[in-house]
C-alpha atoms as a PDB file:
ATOM      1  CA  UNK A   1       0.000   0.000   0.000  1.00  0.00           C
ATOM      2  CA  UNK A   2       1.381   3.389  -0.971  1.00  0.00           C
ATOM      3  CA  UNK A   3       0.605   7.079  -0.650  1.00  0.00           C
ATOM      4  CA  UNK A   4       2.058   8.642  -3.781  1.00  0.00           C
ATOM      5  CA  UNK A   5       0.662  12.171  -3.414  1.00  0.00           C
ATOM      6  CA  UNK A   6      -0.890  12.764   0.005  1.00  0.00           C
ATOM      7  CA  UNK A   7      -4.325  14.323   0.095  1.00  0.00           C
ATOM      8  CA  UNK A   8      -4.056  17.064   2.701  1.00  0.00           C
ATOM      9  CA  UNK A   9      -7.311  18.983   3.141  1.00  0.00           C
ATOM     10  CA  UNK A  10      -7.431  22.095   5.336  1.00  0.00           C
ATOM     11  CA  UNK A  11      -7.885  21.383   9.039  1.00  0.00           C
ATOM     12  CA  UNK A  12     -11.565  22.343   9.032  1.00  0.00           C
ATOM     13  CA  UNK A  13     -12.268  19.647   6.410  1.00  0.00           C
ATOM     14  CA  UNK A  14     -10.450  16.745   8.076  1.00  0.00           C
ATOM     15  CA  UNK A  15     -13.482  15.313   9.820  1.00  0.00           C
ATOM     16  CA  UNK A  16     -14.398  12.056   8.004  1.00  0.00           C
ATOM     17  CA  UNK A  17     -18.134  12.701   8.291  1.00  0.00           C
ATOM     18  CA  UNK A  18     -17.804  16.169   6.763  1.00  0.00           C
ATOM     19  CA  UNK A  19     -15.752  14.628   3.955  1.00  0.00           C
ATOM     20  CA  UNK A  20     -18.335  11.895   3.349  1.00  0.00           C
ATOM     21  CA  UNK A  21     -21.377  14.165   3.467  1.00  0.00           C
ATOM     22  CA  UNK A  22     -19.899  16.887   1.250  1.00  0.00           C
ATOM     23  CA  UNK A  23     -19.316  14.248  -1.398  1.00  0.00           C
ATOM     24  CA  UNK A  24     -23.021  14.310  -2.293  1.00  0.00           C
ATOM     25  CA  UNK A  25     -24.693  17.357  -0.733  1.00  0.00           C
ATOM     26  CA  UNK A  26     -24.093  21.062  -0.246  1.00  0.00           C
ATOM     27  CA  UNK A  27     -21.893  22.987  -2.705  1.00  0.00           C
ATOM     28  CA  UNK A  28     -21.047  19.930  -4.808  1.00  0.00           C
ATOM     29  CA  UNK A  29     -24.711  19.053  -5.290  1.00  0.00           C
ATOM     30  CA  UNK A  30     -25.574  22.636  -6.224  1.00  0.00           C
ATOM     31  CA  UNK A  31     -22.711  22.745  -8.722  1.00  0.00           C
ATOM     32  CA  UNK A  32     -23.764  19.403 -10.190  1.00  0.00           C
ATOM     33  CA  UNK A  33     -27.322  20.640 -10.727  1.00  0.00           C
ATOM     34  CA  UNK A  34     -25.980  23.567 -12.730  1.00  0.00           C
ATOM     35  CA  UNK A  35     -23.541  21.419 -14.682  1.00  0.00           C
ATOM     36  CA  UNK A  36     -26.031  18.729 -15.673  1.00  0.00           C
ATOM     37  CA  UNK A  37     -28.213  21.366 -17.334  1.00  0.00           C
ATOM     38  CA  UNK A  38     -25.283  22.490 -19.466  1.00  0.00           C
ATOM     39  CA  UNK A  39     -24.172  19.036 -20.560  1.00  0.00           C
ATOM     40  CA  UNK A  40     -25.339  17.945 -23.999  1.00  0.00           C
ATOM     41  CA  UNK A  41     -25.762  14.360 -22.849  1.00  0.00           C
ATOM     42  CA  UNK A  42     -27.028  11.619 -25.119  1.00  0.00           C
ATOM     43  CA  UNK A  43     -29.556   9.568 -23.164  1.00  0.00           C
ATOM     44  CA  UNK A  44     -29.209   5.858 -23.860  1.00  0.00           C
ATOM     45  CA  UNK A  45     -31.018   2.632 -23.046  1.00  0.00           C
ATOM     46  CA  UNK A  46     -28.567  -0.213 -23.557  1.00  0.00           C
ATOM     47  CA  UNK A  47     -30.352  -3.529 -24.112  1.00  0.00           C
ATOM     48  CA  UNK A  48     -28.133  -6.562 -23.644  1.00  0.00           C
ATOM     49  CA  UNK A  49     -28.434  -9.913 -25.393  1.00  0.00           C
ATOM     50  CA  UNK A  50     -30.111 -11.200 -22.216  1.00  0.00           C
ATOM     51  CA  UNK A  51     -32.784  -8.520 -22.514  1.00  0.00           C
ATOM     52  CA  UNK A  52     -31.547  -6.431 -19.586  1.00  0.00           C
ATOM     53  CA  UNK A  53     -32.026  -2.703 -20.104  1.00  0.00           C
ATOM     54  CA  UNK A  54     -29.667  -0.238 -18.433  1.00  0.00           C
ATOM     55  CA  UNK A  55     -29.792   3.534 -18.784  1.00  0.00           C
ATOM     56  CA  UNK A  56     -26.782   5.752 -19.382  1.00  0.00           C
ATOM     57  CA  UNK A  57     -25.689   9.255 -20.341  1.00  0.00           C
ATOM     58  CA  UNK A  58     -22.959   9.710 -22.930  1.00  0.00           C
ATOM     59  CA  UNK A  59     -20.961  12.928 -23.321  1.00  0.00           C
ATOM     60  CA  UNK A  60     -18.152  13.786 -25.661  1.00  0.00           C
ATOM     61  CA  UNK A  61     -15.098  15.735 -24.537  1.00  0.00           C
ATOM     62  CA  UNK A  62     -15.615  19.476 -24.191  1.00  0.00           C
ATOM     63  CA  UNK A  63     -15.029  21.414 -27.404  1.00  0.00           C
ATOM     64  CA  UNK A  64     -12.546  23.581 -25.510  1.00  0.00           C
ATOM     65  CA  UNK A  65     -10.414  20.533 -24.674  1.00  0.00           C
ATOM     66  CA  UNK A  66      -8.179  18.546 -26.979  1.00  0.00           C
ATOM     67  CA  UNK A  67      -9.837  15.163 -27.357  1.00  0.00           C
ATOM     68  CA  UNK A  68      -7.764  12.248 -26.138  1.00  0.00           C
ATOM     69  CA  UNK A  69      -9.879   9.750 -28.078  1.00  0.00           C
ATOM     70  CA  UNK A  70     -10.415   7.838 -24.851  1.00  0.00           C
ATOM     71  CA  UNK A  71     -13.559   6.789 -22.991  1.00  0.00           C
ATOM     72  CA  UNK A  72     -14.157   6.693 -19.242  1.00  0.00           C
ATOM     73  CA  UNK A  73     -17.045   4.528 -18.028  1.00  0.00           C
ATOM     74  CA  UNK A  74     -18.214   5.879 -14.667  1.00  0.00           C
ATOM     75  CA  UNK A  75     -20.108   3.707 -12.166  1.00  0.00           C
ATOM     76  CA  UNK A  76     -21.997   5.256  -9.236  1.00  0.00           C
ATOM     77  CA  UNK A  77     -22.398   3.868  -5.726  1.00  0.00           C
ATOM     78  CA  UNK A  78     -25.297   1.993  -4.133  1.00  0.00           C
ATOM     79  CA  UNK A  79     -28.521   4.006  -4.422  1.00  0.00           C
ATOM     80  CA  UNK A  80     -26.662   6.684  -6.341  1.00  0.00           C
ATOM     81  CA  UNK A  81     -27.013   7.271 -10.064  1.00  0.00           C
ATOM     82  CA  UNK A  82     -25.473   8.780 -13.155  1.00  0.00           C
ATOM     83  CA  UNK A  83     -26.867  12.106 -11.916  1.00  0.00           C
ATOM     84  CA  UNK A  84     -25.379  11.899  -8.420  1.00  0.00           C
ATOM     85  CA  UNK A  85     -23.327  14.989  -7.598  1.00  0.00           C
ATOM     86  CA  UNK A  86     -20.011  13.117  -7.605  1.00  0.00           C
ATOM     87  CA  UNK A  87     -20.866  11.418 -10.921  1.00  0.00           C
ATOM     88  CA  UNK A  88     -21.696  14.710 -12.636  1.00  0.00           C
ATOM     89  CA  UNK A  89     -18.779  16.795 -11.339  1.00  0.00           C
ATOM     90  CA  UNK A  90     -16.315  13.976 -12.039  1.00  0.00           C
ATOM     91  CA  UNK A  91     -17.697  13.584 -15.554  1.00  0.00           C
ATOM     92  CA  UNK A  92     -17.392  17.328 -16.206  1.00  0.00           C
ATOM     93  CA  UNK A  93     -13.784  17.372 -15.012  1.00  0.00           C
ATOM     94  CA  UNK A  94     -12.949  14.458 -17.296  1.00  0.00           C
ATOM     95  CA  UNK A  95     -14.755  16.069 -20.230  1.00  0.00           C
ATOM     96  CA  UNK A  96     -12.818  19.305 -19.707  1.00  0.00           C
ATOM     97  CA  UNK A  97      -9.625  17.257 -19.852  1.00  0.00           C
ATOM     98  CA  UNK A  98     -10.373  15.610 -23.184  1.00  0.00           C
ATOM     99  CA  UNK A  99     -12.088  12.349 -22.190  1.00  0.00           C
ATOM    100  CA  UNK A 100     -15.448  11.118 -23.441  1.00  0.00           C
ATOM    101  CA  UNK A 101     -17.596   9.838 -20.576  1.00  0.00           C
ATOM    102  CA  UNK A 102     -20.306   7.194 -20.278  1.00  0.00           C
ATOM    103  CA  UNK A 103     -22.190   7.444 -16.976  1.00  0.00           C
ATOM    104  CA  UNK A 104     -23.798   4.028 -16.687  1.00  0.00           C
ATOM    105  CA  UNK A 105     -26.639   3.292 -14.283  1.00  0.00           C
ATOM    106  CA  UNK A 106     -26.935  -0.028 -12.534  1.00  0.00           C
ATOM    107  CA  UNK A 107     -30.316  -1.757 -12.590  1.00  0.00           C
ATOM    108  CA  UNK A 108     -33.002   0.024 -10.501  1.00  0.00           C
ATOM    109  CA  UNK A 109     -30.825   3.137 -10.042  1.00  0.00           C
ATOM    110  CA  UNK A 110     -31.490   6.591 -11.434  1.00  0.00           C
ATOM    111  CA  UNK A 111     -35.282   6.155 -11.602  1.00  0.00           C
ATOM    112  CA  UNK A 112     -34.965   3.091 -13.854  1.00  0.00           C
ATOM    113  CA  UNK A 113     -36.991   0.672 -11.728  1.00  0.00           C
ATOM    114  CA  UNK A 114     -39.427   0.280 -14.644  1.00  0.00           C
ATOM    115  CA  UNK A 115     -36.853  -1.068 -17.096  1.00  0.00           C
ATOM    116  CA  UNK A 116     -36.418  -4.598 -15.699  1.00  0.00           C
ATOM    117  CA  UNK A 117     -38.771  -6.829 -13.699  1.00  0.00           C
ATOM    118  CA  UNK A 118     -36.077  -8.423 -11.526  1.00  0.00           C
ATOM    119  CA  UNK A 119     -34.842  -6.595  -8.428  1.00  0.00           C
ATOM    120  CA  UNK A 120     -31.243  -5.303  -8.317  1.00  0.00           C
ATOM    121  CA  UNK A 121     -28.597  -7.042  -6.256  1.00  0.00           C
ATOM    122  CA  UNK A 122     -24.880  -6.420  -5.854  1.00  0.00           C
ATOM    123  CA  UNK A 123     -23.759  -9.519  -7.779  1.00  0.00           C
ATOM    124  CA  UNK A 124     -25.069  -8.212 -11.119  1.00  0.00           C
ATOM    125  CA  UNK A 125     -21.698  -7.302 -12.607  1.00  0.00           C
ATOM    126  CA  UNK A 126     -22.191  -9.246 -15.827  1.00  0.00           C
ATOM    127  CA  UNK A 127     -25.125  -7.173 -17.007  1.00  0.00           C
ATOM    128  CA  UNK A 128     -23.158  -3.970 -16.394  1.00  0.00           C
ATOM    129  CA  UNK A 129     -20.234  -5.404 -18.355  1.00  0.00           C
ATOM    130  CA  UNK A 130     -22.643  -6.535 -21.089  1.00  0.00           C
ATOM    131  CA  UNK A 131     -24.066  -3.009 -21.366  1.00  0.00           C
ATOM    132  CA  UNK A 132     -20.562  -1.554 -21.565  1.00  0.00           C
ATOM    133  CA  UNK A 133     -19.643  -4.083 -24.273  1.00  0.00           C
ATOM    134  CA  UNK A 134     -22.768  -3.175 -26.231  1.00  0.00           C
ATOM    135  CA  UNK A 135     -21.849   0.510 -26.130  1.00  0.00           C
ATOM    136  CA  UNK A 136     -18.263  -0.200 -27.157  1.00  0.00           C
ATOM    137  CA  UNK A 137     -19.460  -2.273 -30.099  1.00  0.00           C
ATOM    138  CA  UNK A 138     -20.824   0.924 -31.635  1.00  0.00           C
ATOM    139  CA  UNK A 139     -18.223   3.336 -30.236  1.00  0.00           C
ATOM    140  CA  UNK A 140     -14.635   2.321 -30.917  1.00  0.00           C
ATOM    141  CA  UNK A 141     -11.867   3.753 -28.714  1.00  0.00           C
ATOM    142  CA  UNK A 142      -8.149   2.958 -28.611  1.00  0.00           C
ATOM    143  CA  UNK A 143      -8.253   3.524 -24.830  1.00  0.00           C
ATOM    144  CA  UNK A 144     -11.090   2.630 -22.445  1.00  0.00           C
ATOM    145  CA  UNK A 145     -11.062   3.279 -18.705  1.00  0.00           C
ATOM    146  CA  UNK A 146     -13.534   2.364 -15.976  1.00  0.00           C
ATOM    147  CA  UNK A 147     -13.895   4.138 -12.644  1.00  0.00           C
ATOM    148  CA  UNK A 148     -16.354   3.555  -9.842  1.00  0.00           C
ATOM    149  CA  UNK A 149     -17.298   4.860  -6.431  1.00  0.00           C
ATOM    150  CA  UNK A 150     -18.161   2.695  -3.406  1.00  0.00           C
ATOM    151  CA  UNK A 151     -20.290  -0.224  -4.669  1.00  0.00           C
ATOM    152  CA  UNK A 152     -19.503   0.988  -8.194  1.00  0.00           C
ATOM    153  CA  UNK A 153     -15.834   0.612  -7.249  1.00  0.00           C
ATOM    154  CA  UNK A 154     -16.478  -3.010  -6.287  1.00  0.00           C
ATOM    155  CA  UNK A 155     -18.240  -3.528  -9.635  1.00  0.00           C
ATOM    156  CA  UNK A 156     -15.266  -1.899 -11.373  1.00  0.00           C
ATOM    157  CA  UNK A 157     -12.716  -4.255  -9.830  1.00  0.00           C
ATOM    158  CA  UNK A 158     -14.821  -7.345 -10.419  1.00  0.00           C
ATOM    159  CA  UNK A 159     -15.547  -6.389 -14.034  1.00  0.00           C
ATOM    160  CA  UNK A 160     -11.882  -5.541 -14.652  1.00  0.00           C
ATOM    161  CA  UNK A 161     -10.914  -8.943 -13.240  1.00  0.00           C
ATOM    162  CA  UNK A 162     -13.560 -11.026 -14.977  1.00  0.00           C
ATOM    163  CA  UNK A 163     -13.923  -9.205 -18.278  1.00  0.00           C
ATOM    164  CA  UNK A 164     -11.273  -6.504 -18.526  1.00  0.00           C
ATOM    165  CA  UNK A 165      -9.474  -7.859 -21.605  1.00  0.00           C
ATOM    166  CA  UNK A 166     -12.776  -8.603 -23.343  1.00  0.00           C
ATOM    167  CA  UNK A 167     -13.877  -4.989 -22.849  1.00  0.00           C
ATOM    168  CA  UNK A 168     -10.481  -3.714 -23.900  1.00  0.00           C
ATOM    169  CA  UNK A 169      -9.953  -1.895 -20.610  1.00  0.00           C
ATOM    170  CA  UNK A 170      -6.758   0.110 -20.512  1.00  0.00           C
ATOM    171  CA  UNK A 171      -7.038   0.565 -16.742  1.00  0.00           C
ATOM    172  CA  UNK A 172      -9.575   0.737 -13.931  1.00  0.00           C
ATOM    173  CA  UNK A 173      -9.869   2.869 -10.794  1.00  0.00           C
ATOM    174  CA  UNK A 174     -11.886   1.964  -7.702  1.00  0.00           C
ATOM    175  CA  UNK A 175     -12.616   4.631  -5.080  1.00  0.00           C
ATOM    176  CA  UNK A 176     -13.489   3.311  -1.609  1.00  0.00           C
ATOM    177  CA  UNK A 177     -14.924  -0.102  -2.546  1.00  0.00           C
ATOM    178  CA  UNK A 178     -16.528  -2.311   0.122  1.00  0.00           C
ATOM    179  CA  UNK A 179     -13.809  -4.949   0.350  1.00  0.00           C
ATOM    180  CA  UNK A 180     -15.682  -7.110   2.857  1.00  0.00           C
ATOM    181  CA  UNK A 181     -19.422  -6.247   2.720  1.00  0.00           C
ATOM    182  CA  UNK A 182     -20.137  -7.975   6.033  1.00  0.00           C
ATOM    183  CA  UNK A 183     -17.502  -5.842   7.721  1.00  0.00           C
ATOM    184  CA  UNK A 184     -18.883  -2.722   6.023  1.00  0.00           C
ATOM    185  CA  UNK A 185     -22.383  -3.430   7.356  1.00  0.00           C
ATOM    186  CA  UNK A 186     -20.940  -3.904  10.841  1.00  0.00           C
ATOM    187  CA  UNK A 187     -19.071  -0.601  10.531  1.00  0.00           C
ATOM    188  CA  UNK A 188     -22.238   1.175   9.466  1.00  0.00           C
ATOM    189  CA  UNK A 189     -23.998  -0.141  12.559  1.00  0.00           C
ATOM    190  CA  UNK A 190     -21.255   1.340  14.745  1.00  0.00           C
ATOM    191  CA  UNK A 191     -20.822   4.770  13.161  1.00  0.00           C
ATOM    192  CA  UNK A 192     -23.196   7.746  13.029  1.00  0.00           C
ATOM    193  CA  UNK A 193     -26.791   6.637  12.538  1.00  0.00           C
ATOM    194  CA  UNK A 194     -27.205   9.070   9.626  1.00  0.00           C
ATOM    195  CA  UNK A 195     -25.562   6.595   7.238  1.00  0.00           C
ATOM    196  CA  UNK A 196     -27.883   3.722   8.097  1.00  0.00           C
ATOM    197  CA  UNK A 197     -30.888   6.066   7.944  1.00  0.00           C
ATOM    198  CA  UNK A 198     -29.763   7.475   4.602  1.00  0.00           C
ATOM    199  CA  UNK A 199     -29.320   4.109   2.919  1.00  0.00           C
ATOM    200  CA  UNK A 200     -32.510   2.734   4.487  1.00  0.00           C
ATOM    201  CA  UNK A 201     -34.469   5.684   3.112  1.00  0.00           C
ATOM    202  CA  UNK A 202     -32.903   5.457  -0.345  1.00  0.00           C
ATOM    203  CA  UNK A 203     -33.352   1.678  -0.608  1.00  0.00           C
ATOM    204  CA  UNK A 204     -36.966   1.660   0.604  1.00  0.00           C
ATOM    205  CA  UNK A 205     -37.794   4.533  -1.746  1.00  0.00           C
ATOM    206  CA  UNK A 206     -36.326   2.558  -4.645  1.00  0.00           C
ATOM    207  CA  UNK A 207     -38.207  -0.591  -3.650  1.00  0.00           C
ATOM    208  CA  UNK A 208     -41.507   1.311  -3.483  1.00  0.00           C
ATOM    209  CA  UNK A 209     -40.919   2.563  -7.025  1.00  0.00           C
ATOM    210  CA  UNK A 210     -40.138  -0.994  -8.102  1.00  0.00           C
ATOM    211  CA  UNK A 211     -43.331  -2.318  -6.565  1.00  0.00           C
ATOM    212  CA  UNK A 212     -45.368   0.405  -8.267  1.00  0.00           C
ATOM    213  CA  UNK A 213     -44.143  -0.761 -11.674  1.00  0.00           C
ATOM    214  CA  UNK A 214     -44.227  -4.490 -10.845  1.00  0.00           C
ATOM    215  CA  UNK A 215     -46.970  -5.086  -8.258  1.00  0.00           C
ATOM    216  CA  UNK A 216     -46.722  -8.826  -8.895  1.00  0.00           C
ATOM    217  CA  UNK A 217     -43.486  -8.786  -6.871  1.00  0.00           C
ATOM    218  CA  UNK A 218     -45.791  -8.553  -3.874  1.00  0.00           C
ATOM    219  CA  UNK A 219     -43.423  -7.400  -1.142  1.00  0.00           C
ATOM    220  CA  UNK A 220     -45.449  -4.450   0.133  1.00  0.00           C
ATOM    221  CA  UNK A 221     -46.171  -5.904   3.577  1.00  0.00           C
ATOM    222  CA  UNK A 222     -42.526  -6.833   4.187  1.00  0.00           C
ATOM    223  CA  UNK A 223     -41.379  -3.415   3.028  1.00  0.00           C
ATOM    224  CA  UNK A 224     -43.722  -1.565   5.364  1.00  0.00           C
ATOM    225  CA  UNK A 225     -42.766  -3.685   8.373  1.00  0.00           C
ATOM    226  CA  UNK A 226     -39.006  -3.201   7.897  1.00  0.00           C
ATOM    227  CA  UNK A 227     -37.373  -0.648  10.197  1.00  0.00           C
ATOM    228  CA  UNK A 228     -33.661  -1.193   9.534  1.00  0.00           C
ATOM    229  CA  UNK A 229     -31.276  -2.328   6.798  1.00  0.00           C
ATOM    230  CA  UNK A 230     -30.956  -5.642   8.621  1.00  0.00           C
ATOM    231  CA  UNK A 231     -34.729  -6.095   8.387  1.00  0.00           C
ATOM    232  CA  UNK A 232     -34.583  -5.464   4.648  1.00  0.00           C
ATOM    233  CA  UNK A 233     -31.670  -7.863   4.196  1.00  0.00           C
ATOM    234  CA  UNK A 234     -33.467 -10.637   6.093  1.00  0.00           C
ATOM    235  CA  UNK A 235     -36.483 -10.290   3.801  1.00  0.00           C
ATOM    236  CA  UNK A 236     -35.117  -9.342   0.411  1.00  0.00           C
ATOM    237  CA  UNK A 237     -31.909 -11.381   0.151  1.00  0.00           C
ATOM    238  CA  UNK A 238     -33.563 -14.830   0.262  1.00  0.00           C
ATOM    239  CA  UNK A 239     -36.539 -13.590  -1.755  1.00  0.00           C
ATOM    240  CA  UNK A 240     -34.754 -11.794  -4.595  1.00  0.00           C
ATOM    241  CA  UNK A 241     -31.208 -13.192  -4.780  1.00  0.00           C
ATOM    242  CA  UNK A 242     -29.851 -16.735  -5.229  1.00  0.00           C
ATOM    243  CA  UNK A 243     -28.603 -16.650  -1.635  1.00  0.00           C
ATOM    244  CA  UNK A 244     -30.385 -17.911   1.510  1.00  0.00           C
ATOM    245  CA  UNK A 245     -29.110 -15.271   3.911  1.00  0.00           C
ATOM    246  CA  UNK A 246     -27.095 -12.073   4.290  1.00  0.00           C
ATOM    247  CA  UNK A 247     -23.883 -13.876   5.192  1.00  0.00           C
ATOM    248  CA  UNK A 248     -23.744 -15.919   1.983  1.00  0.00           C
ATOM    249  CA  UNK A 249     -24.923 -12.971  -0.125  1.00  0.00           C
ATOM    250  CA  UNK A 250     -22.223 -10.630   1.186  1.00  0.00           C
ATOM    251  CA  UNK A 251     -19.610 -13.360   0.771  1.00  0.00           C
ATOM    252  CA  UNK A 252     -20.588 -13.657  -2.904  1.00  0.00           C
ATOM    253  CA  UNK A 253     -19.227 -10.226  -3.784  1.00  0.00           C
ATOM    254  CA  UNK A 254     -16.355  -9.808  -1.369  1.00  0.00           C
ATOM    255  CA  UNK A 255     -12.997  -8.677  -2.765  1.00  0.00           C
ATOM    256  CA  UNK A 256     -11.026 -10.572  -0.143  1.00  0.00           C
ATOM    257  CA  UNK A 257      -8.668 -13.492  -0.620  1.00  0.00           C
ATOM    258  CA  UNK A 258      -8.002 -14.438  -4.237  1.00  0.00           C
ATOM    259  CA  UNK A 259     -11.132 -12.826  -5.751  1.00  0.00           C
ATOM    260  CA  UNK A 260      -8.986 -10.473  -7.848  1.00  0.00           C
ATOM    261  CA  UNK A 261      -6.303 -13.060  -8.649  1.00  0.00           C
ATOM    262  CA  UNK A 262      -7.175 -13.188 -12.361  1.00  0.00           C
ATOM    263  CA  UNK A 263      -6.849  -9.401 -12.779  1.00  0.00           C
ATOM    264  CA  UNK A 264      -4.770  -8.814 -15.904  1.00  0.00           C
ATOM    265  CA  UNK A 265      -5.346  -5.124 -16.619  1.00  0.00           C
ATOM    266  CA  UNK A 266      -3.865  -2.293 -14.530  1.00  0.00           C
ATOM    267  CA  UNK A 267      -6.148  -1.325 -11.657  1.00  0.00           C
ATOM    268  CA  UNK A 268      -5.913   1.256  -8.899  1.00  0.00           C
ATOM    269  CA  UNK A 269      -7.718   1.099  -5.571  1.00  0.00           C
ATOM    270  CA  UNK A 270      -7.908   4.385  -3.649  1.00  0.00           C
ATOM    271  CA  UNK A 271      -9.146   4.357  -0.061  1.00  0.00           C
ATOM    272  CA  UNK A 272      -8.945   6.432   3.117  1.00  0.00           C
ATOM    273  CA  UNK A 273      -7.960   5.409   6.618  1.00  0.00           C
ATOM    274  CA  UNK A 274     -10.817   7.441   8.094  1.00  0.00           C
ATOM    275  CA  UNK A 275     -13.631   6.042   5.923  1.00  0.00           C
ATOM    276  CA  UNK A 276     -16.541   5.739   8.389  1.00  0.00           C
ATOM    277  CA  UNK A 277     -18.313   2.879   6.602  1.00  0.00           C
ATOM    278  CA  UNK A 278     -15.555   0.964   4.758  1.00  0.00           C
ATOM    279  CA  UNK A 279     -12.890  -0.201   7.246  1.00  0.00           C
ATOM    280  CA  UNK A 280      -9.423   0.376   5.807  1.00  0.00           C
ATOM    281  CA  UNK A 281      -8.175  -2.686   7.692  1.00  0.00           C
ATOM    282  CA  UNK A 282     -10.192  -4.814   5.273  1.00  0.00           C
ATOM    283  CA  UNK A 283      -7.681  -3.975   2.549  1.00  0.00           C
ATOM    284  CA  UNK A 284      -5.283  -6.357   4.249  1.00  0.00           C
ATOM    285  CA  UNK A 285      -7.689  -9.190   3.418  1.00  0.00           C
ATOM    286  CA  UNK A 286      -6.979  -8.793  -0.313  1.00  0.00           C
ATOM    287  CA  UNK A 287      -4.328 -11.060  -1.776  1.00  0.00           C
ATOM    288  CA  UNK A 288      -3.079  -8.219  -3.925  1.00  0.00           C
ATOM    289  CA  UNK A 289      -2.413  -9.316  -7.525  1.00  0.00           C
ATOM    290  CA  UNK A 290       0.436  -7.931  -9.596  1.00  0.00           C
ATOM    291  CA  UNK A 291      -1.755  -5.556 -11.585  1.00  0.00           C
ATOM    292  CA  UNK A 292      -3.481  -3.934  -8.588  1.00  0.00           C
ATOM    293  CA  UNK A 293      -2.076  -0.808  -6.952  1.00  0.00           C
ATOM    294  CA  UNK A 294      -3.555   0.135  -3.564  1.00  0.00           C
ATOM    295  CA  UNK A 295      -3.231   3.725  -2.370  1.00  0.00           C
ATOM    296  CA  UNK A 296      -4.461   4.648   1.111  1.00  0.00           C
ATOM    297  CA  UNK A 297      -4.876   8.263   2.180  1.00  0.00           C
ATOM    298  CA  UNK A 298      -5.002   9.521   5.775  1.00  0.00           C
ATOM    299  CA  UNK A 299      -8.084  11.656   5.072  1.00  0.00           C
ATOM    300  CA  UNK A 300     -10.983  11.547   2.654  1.00  0.00           C
ATOM    301  CA  UNK A 301     -13.924   9.930   4.427  1.00  0.00           C
ATOM    302  CA  UNK A 302     -16.117   7.790   2.207  1.00  0.00           C
ATOM    303  CA  UNK A 303     -15.473   8.799  -1.425  1.00  0.00           C
ATOM    304  CA  UNK A 304     -15.119  12.461  -0.430  1.00  0.00           C
ATOM    305  CA  UNK A 305     -11.529  13.708  -0.687  1.00  0.00           C
ATOM    306  CA  UNK A 306     -12.956  17.236  -0.550  1.00  0.00           C
ATOM    307  CA  UNK A 307     -10.318  19.918  -0.989  1.00  0.00           C
ATOM    308  CA  UNK A 308     -12.129  23.170  -0.192  1.00  0.00           C
ATOM    309  CA  UNK A 309     -15.434  24.775   0.797  1.00  0.00           C
ATOM    310  CA  UNK A 310     -16.550  24.725  -2.836  1.00  0.00           C
ATOM    311  CA  UNK A 311     -16.389  20.919  -2.451  1.00  0.00           C
ATOM    312  CA  UNK A 312     -13.958  20.279  -5.290  1.00  0.00           C
ATOM    313  CA  UNK A 313     -12.667  16.733  -5.001  1.00  0.00           C
ATOM    314  CA  UNK A 314      -9.030  15.659  -5.163  1.00  0.00           C
ATOM    315  CA  UNK A 315     -10.243  12.479  -6.875  1.00  0.00           C
ATOM    316  CA  UNK A 316     -11.119  14.301 -10.097  1.00  0.00           C
ATOM    317  CA  UNK A 317      -7.579  15.501 -10.980  1.00  0.00           C
ATOM    318  CA  UNK A 318      -6.261  12.221  -9.569  1.00  0.00           C
ATOM    319  CA  UNK A 319      -8.280  10.286 -12.149  1.00  0.00           C
ATOM    320  CA  UNK A 320      -6.969  12.481 -14.953  1.00  0.00           C
ATOM    321  CA  UNK A 321      -3.419  11.963 -13.709  1.00  0.00           C
ATOM    322  CA  UNK A 322      -3.875   8.181 -13.644  1.00  0.00           C
ATOM    323  CA  UNK A 323      -5.546   8.006 -17.039  1.00  0.00           C
ATOM    324  CA  UNK A 324      -3.025  10.375 -18.666  1.00  0.00           C
ATOM    325  CA  UNK A 325      -0.235   8.221 -17.266  1.00  0.00           C
ATOM    326  CA  UNK A 326      -1.665   5.114 -18.918  1.00  0.00           C
ATOM    327  CA  UNK A 327      -2.218   6.970 -22.196  1.00  0.00           C
ATOM    328  CA  UNK A 328       1.420   8.017 -22.155  1.00  0.00           C
ATOM    329  CA  UNK A 329       2.490   4.395 -21.685  1.00  0.00           C
ATOM    330  CA  UNK A 330       0.168   3.252 -24.467  1.00  0.00           C
ATOM    331  CA  UNK A 331       1.425   6.003 -26.777  1.00  0.00           C
END
């Protein structure tokens, strides 16, 4: 594990909860709302060979930037979307630096509950990879990158490992992935209650939308009786995943042990020691393959890395630095 260029926010921004919260709300959210109105995004529905439909927004590099003829596929976190503040501001930074960007929504995220009858779960990496492959079939690039936040970071590493060469990935970057989901759930139970309340609200809201479009799923009573994330997991994991309980479900998408052993494309994992919901100690559970670089920062919270009161994120120029470095090697 290395720290190549330390992220050193001002003292008043070193609280991990401030870092985590400013990732999605406040100045960054306001800026994202303005930016998304200015983007000339192409709205896409990518239908895979299996009939899965995933929504995405595609933007070409800003006309003021010299195009690098490279694509970045951005994946949001759990209950986020392609329009989440961090997705939009990161996309704009990449666009201004010459990269085309595909912001790809996972199933049931970004108000897409109506597109597929089956309920989302965190093992559905293949359909995300299939959607990316479908896009790349019609959009050829000499360099393709993938970057994800939180659960999207886990998807990024698993897709890079399982299908990186097939997709022609030049490199992948994962920001604060849940390495051991069981450990992450335990950490959430022990930290500020706002995180559990936030995800409970977002997940139940999504499930209500799903039920509205597919009433035959018939989980209304269970949804209304649930009071915590644990309640939801007890009900929805055995009912809507191939797994009988939370323990086996979380184990199915862990990054620990040799899960990333087959990784054959360059990948970067960026985490913070003070992440309140993803324990940094879990990184030691990864049998780190040759092509994975792990960088751990002292500060940053969960996916924040906020540099100033305008909520600009250190991650955005960091991604450009990483991608430019790989382009230079390729060139």
